[in-house]
Amino acid sequence: MRGWCWELGKVFAGSIAGKEIVNVDGTVLGELENMVIDLKTGKLVDLVVKPDPELNRMKYREDGKFVLIPFASVVAVKDYIVVDENRATKKREAEAAEEENQPS
């Protein structure tokens, strides 16, 4: 994965606070509540999302009343934060972890 600044340009955290998060089809997933950063690398790891009441939370990792969406699934930050839902679900993360653990 390339650095997020390279793919999306520089974005200030204050400018995306509270933004609506949608998938590539335009379905609302929720609203950005917070972000998780890896303190060792400084990379953004997850978006902490206050889920839309209609969202099927079973597909996502949960943290209390919030869902966690991997930052690697973000494809655009404009008026909305757009994510590729195929990269954001628990199933896809489990597949990625399995691929990493397989010997070359």
C-alpha atoms as a PDB file:
ATOM      1  CA  MET A   1       0.000   0.000   0.000  1.00  0.00           C
ATOM      2  CA  ARG A   2       1.339   3.399  -0.888  1.00  0.00           C
ATOM      3  CA  GLY A   3       1.197   6.262   1.576  1.00  0.00           C
ATOM      4  CA  TRP A   4      -2.219   7.847   1.910  1.00  0.00           C
ATOM      5  CA  CYS A   5      -0.902  11.345   1.209  1.00  0.00           C
ATOM      6  CA  TRP A   6       0.366  10.116  -2.165  1.00  0.00           C
ATOM      7  CA  GLU A   7      -2.994   8.678  -3.183  1.00  0.00           C
ATOM      8  CA  LEU A   8      -5.395  11.175  -1.623  1.00  0.00           C
ATOM      9  CA  GLY A   9      -3.384  14.369  -1.174  1.00  0.00           C
ATOM     10  CA  LYS A  10      -2.867  16.060   2.169  1.00  0.00           C
ATOM     11  CA  VAL A  11      -5.944  16.326   4.360  1.00  0.00           C
ATOM     12  CA  PHE A  12      -6.109  17.956   7.777  1.00  0.00           C
ATOM     13  CA  ALA A  13      -7.855  15.908  10.451  1.00  0.00           C
ATOM     14  CA  GLY A  14     -10.060  18.838  11.412  1.00  0.00           C
ATOM     15  CA  SER A  15     -11.385  19.072   7.867  1.00  0.00           C
ATOM     16  CA  ILE A  16     -12.686  15.494   7.867  1.00  0.00           C
ATOM     17  CA  ALA A  17     -14.023  15.330  11.435  1.00  0.00           C
ATOM     18  CA  GLY A  18     -17.708  14.429  11.349  1.00  0.00           C
ATOM     19  CA  LYS A  19     -17.734  13.697   7.613  1.00  0.00           C
ATOM     20  CA  GLU A  20     -20.203  11.172   6.310  1.00  0.00           C
ATOM     21  CA  ILE A  21     -18.714   7.870   5.189  1.00  0.00           C
ATOM     22  CA  VAL A  22     -20.203   6.185   2.139  1.00  0.00           C
ATOM     23  CA  ASN A  23     -19.286   3.148   0.083  1.00  0.00           C
ATOM     24  CA  VAL A  24     -18.537   3.402  -3.637  1.00  0.00           C
ATOM     25  CA  ASP A  25     -22.237   2.797  -4.407  1.00  0.00           C
ATOM     26  CA  GLY A  26     -23.218   5.819  -2.283  1.00  0.00           C
ATOM     27  CA  THR A  27     -24.717   3.853   0.609  1.00  0.00           C
ATOM     28  CA  VAL A  28     -24.181   5.715   3.882  1.00  0.00           C
ATOM     29  CA  LEU A  29     -22.110   3.718   6.373  1.00  0.00           C
ATOM     30  CA  GLY A  30     -21.999   6.355   9.094  1.00  0.00           C
ATOM     31  CA  GLU A  31     -20.152   9.417  10.349  1.00  0.00           C
ATOM     32  CA  LEU A  32     -16.463   9.741  11.197  1.00  0.00           C
ATOM     33  CA  GLU A  33     -16.072   9.869  14.962  1.00  0.00           C
ATOM     34  CA  ASN A  34     -12.313   9.365  15.374  1.00  0.00           C
ATOM     35  CA  MET A  35      -9.230   7.764  13.830  1.00  0.00           C
ATOM     36  CA  VAL A  36      -6.714   5.161  15.002  1.00  0.00           C
ATOM     37  CA  ILE A  37      -3.051   5.910  14.302  1.00  0.00           C
ATOM     38  CA  ASP A  38      -0.098   3.533  14.686  1.00  0.00           C
ATOM     39  CA  LEU A  39       2.215   5.507  16.973  1.00  0.00           C
ATOM     40  CA  LYS A  40       5.311   3.620  15.790  1.00  0.00           C
ATOM     41  CA  THR A  41       4.811   4.320  12.088  1.00  0.00           C
ATOM     42  CA  GLY A  42       2.517   7.355  12.181  1.00  0.00           C
ATOM     43  CA  LYS A  43       0.202   5.666   9.684  1.00  0.00           C
ATOM     44  CA  LEU A  44      -3.555   5.876   9.865  1.00  0.00           C
ATOM     45  CA  VAL A  45      -4.908   2.412  10.676  1.00  0.00           C
ATOM     46  CA  ASP A  46      -8.679   2.659  11.126  1.00  0.00           C
ATOM     47  CA  LEU A  47     -11.559   5.074  10.898  1.00  0.00           C
ATOM     48  CA  VAL A  48     -13.802   4.940  13.974  1.00  0.00           C
ATOM     49  CA  VAL A  49     -17.317   5.346  12.618  1.00  0.00           C
ATOM     50  CA  LYS A  50     -20.624   6.104  14.305  1.00  0.00           C
ATOM     51  CA  PRO A  51     -22.685   3.710  12.182  1.00  0.00           C
ATOM     52  CA  ASP A  52     -25.837   4.653  10.321  1.00  0.00           C
ATOM     53  CA  PRO A  53     -28.855   2.987  11.984  1.00  0.00           C
ATOM     54  CA  GLU A  54     -29.489   1.021   8.772  1.00  0.00           C
ATOM     55  CA  LEU A  55     -25.924  -0.363   8.572  1.00  0.00           C
ATOM     56  CA  ASN A  56     -25.447  -4.122   8.918  1.00  0.00           C
ATOM     57  CA  ARG A  57     -22.801  -3.972  11.672  1.00  0.00           C
ATOM     58  CA  MET A  58     -22.159  -7.733  11.500  1.00  0.00           C
ATOM     59  CA  LYS A  59     -19.944  -7.206   8.449  1.00  0.00           C
ATOM     60  CA  TYR A  60     -17.516  -4.916  10.299  1.00  0.00           C
ATOM     61  CA  ARG A  61     -15.191  -5.030  13.255  1.00  0.00           C
ATOM     62  CA  GLU A  62     -16.812  -3.327  16.203  1.00  0.00           C
ATOM     63  CA  ASP A  63     -15.508  -1.249  19.094  1.00  0.00           C
ATOM     64  CA  GLY A  64     -18.355  -0.648  21.500  1.00  0.00           C
ATOM     65  CA  LYS A  65     -21.016   1.413  19.744  1.00  0.00           C
ATOM     66  CA  PHE A  66     -18.680   2.155  16.811  1.00  0.00           C
ATOM     67  CA  VAL A  67     -17.494   0.210  13.771  1.00  0.00           C
ATOM     68  CA  LEU A  68     -13.885   0.216  12.591  1.00  0.00           C
ATOM     69  CA  ILE A  69     -13.187   0.703   8.919  1.00  0.00           C
ATOM     70  CA  PRO A  70      -9.591   0.097   7.782  1.00  0.00           C
ATOM     71  CA  PHE A  71      -8.009   3.208   6.350  1.00  0.00           C
ATOM     72  CA  ALA A  72      -6.669   1.050   3.510  1.00  0.00           C
ATOM     73  CA  SER A  73     -10.256   0.864   2.216  1.00  0.00           C
ATOM     74  CA  VAL A  74     -10.531   4.650   1.723  1.00  0.00           C
ATOM     75  CA  VAL A  75     -10.615   5.565  -1.966  1.00  0.00           C
ATOM     76  CA  ALA A  76     -11.504   9.284  -1.802  1.00  0.00           C
ATOM     77  CA  VAL A  77     -11.886  12.178   0.621  1.00  0.00           C
ATOM     78  CA  LYS A  78     -13.996  15.025  -0.736  1.00  0.00           C
ATOM     79  CA  ASP A  79     -17.446  16.048   0.491  1.00  0.00           C
ATOM     80  CA  TYR A  80     -17.691  12.484   1.799  1.00  0.00           C
ATOM     81  CA  ILE A  81     -15.178   9.837   2.770  1.00  0.00           C
ATOM     82  CA  VAL A  82     -15.625   7.090   0.181  1.00  0.00           C
ATOM     83  CA  VAL A  83     -14.586   3.543   1.038  1.00  0.00           C
ATOM     84  CA  ASP A  84     -14.381   0.339  -0.956  1.00  0.00           C
ATOM     85  CA  GLU A  85     -16.650  -1.854   1.143  1.00  0.00           C
ATOM     86  CA  ASN A  86     -15.018  -4.999  -0.250  1.00  0.00           C
ATOM     87  CA  ARG A  87     -11.809  -3.971   1.543  1.00  0.00           C
ATOM     88  CA  ALA A  88     -13.596  -2.788   4.697  1.00  0.00           C
ATOM     89  CA  THR A  89     -15.365  -5.923   5.930  1.00  0.00           C
ATOM     90  CA  LYS A  90     -14.233  -8.522   8.470  1.00  0.00           C
ATOM     91  CA  LYS A  91     -14.182 -11.230   5.785  1.00  0.00           C
ATOM     92  CA  ARG A  92     -11.733  -9.312   3.587  1.00  0.00           C
ATOM     93  CA  GLU A  93      -9.471  -8.508   6.536  1.00  0.00           C
ATOM     94  CA  ALA A  94      -9.360 -12.178   7.523  1.00  0.00           C
ATOM     95  CA  GLU A  95      -8.395 -13.104   3.949  1.00  0.00           C
ATOM     96  CA  ALA A  96      -5.631 -10.479   3.901  1.00  0.00           C
ATOM     97  CA  ALA A  97      -4.233 -11.676   7.222  1.00  0.00           C
ATOM     98  CA  GLU A  98      -4.243 -15.258   5.950  1.00  0.00           C
ATOM     99  CA  GLU A  99      -2.346 -14.231   2.810  1.00  0.00           C
ATOM    100  CA  GLU A 100       0.300 -12.461   4.924  1.00  0.00           C
ATOM    101  CA  ASN A 101       0.823 -15.540   7.106  1.00  0.00           C
ATOM    102  CA  GLN A 102       1.336 -17.993   4.248  1.00  0.00           C
ATOM    103  CA  PRO A 103       4.960 -18.906   3.470  1.00  0.00           C
ATOM    104  CA  SER A 104       6.324 -17.669   0.141  1.00  0.00           C
END
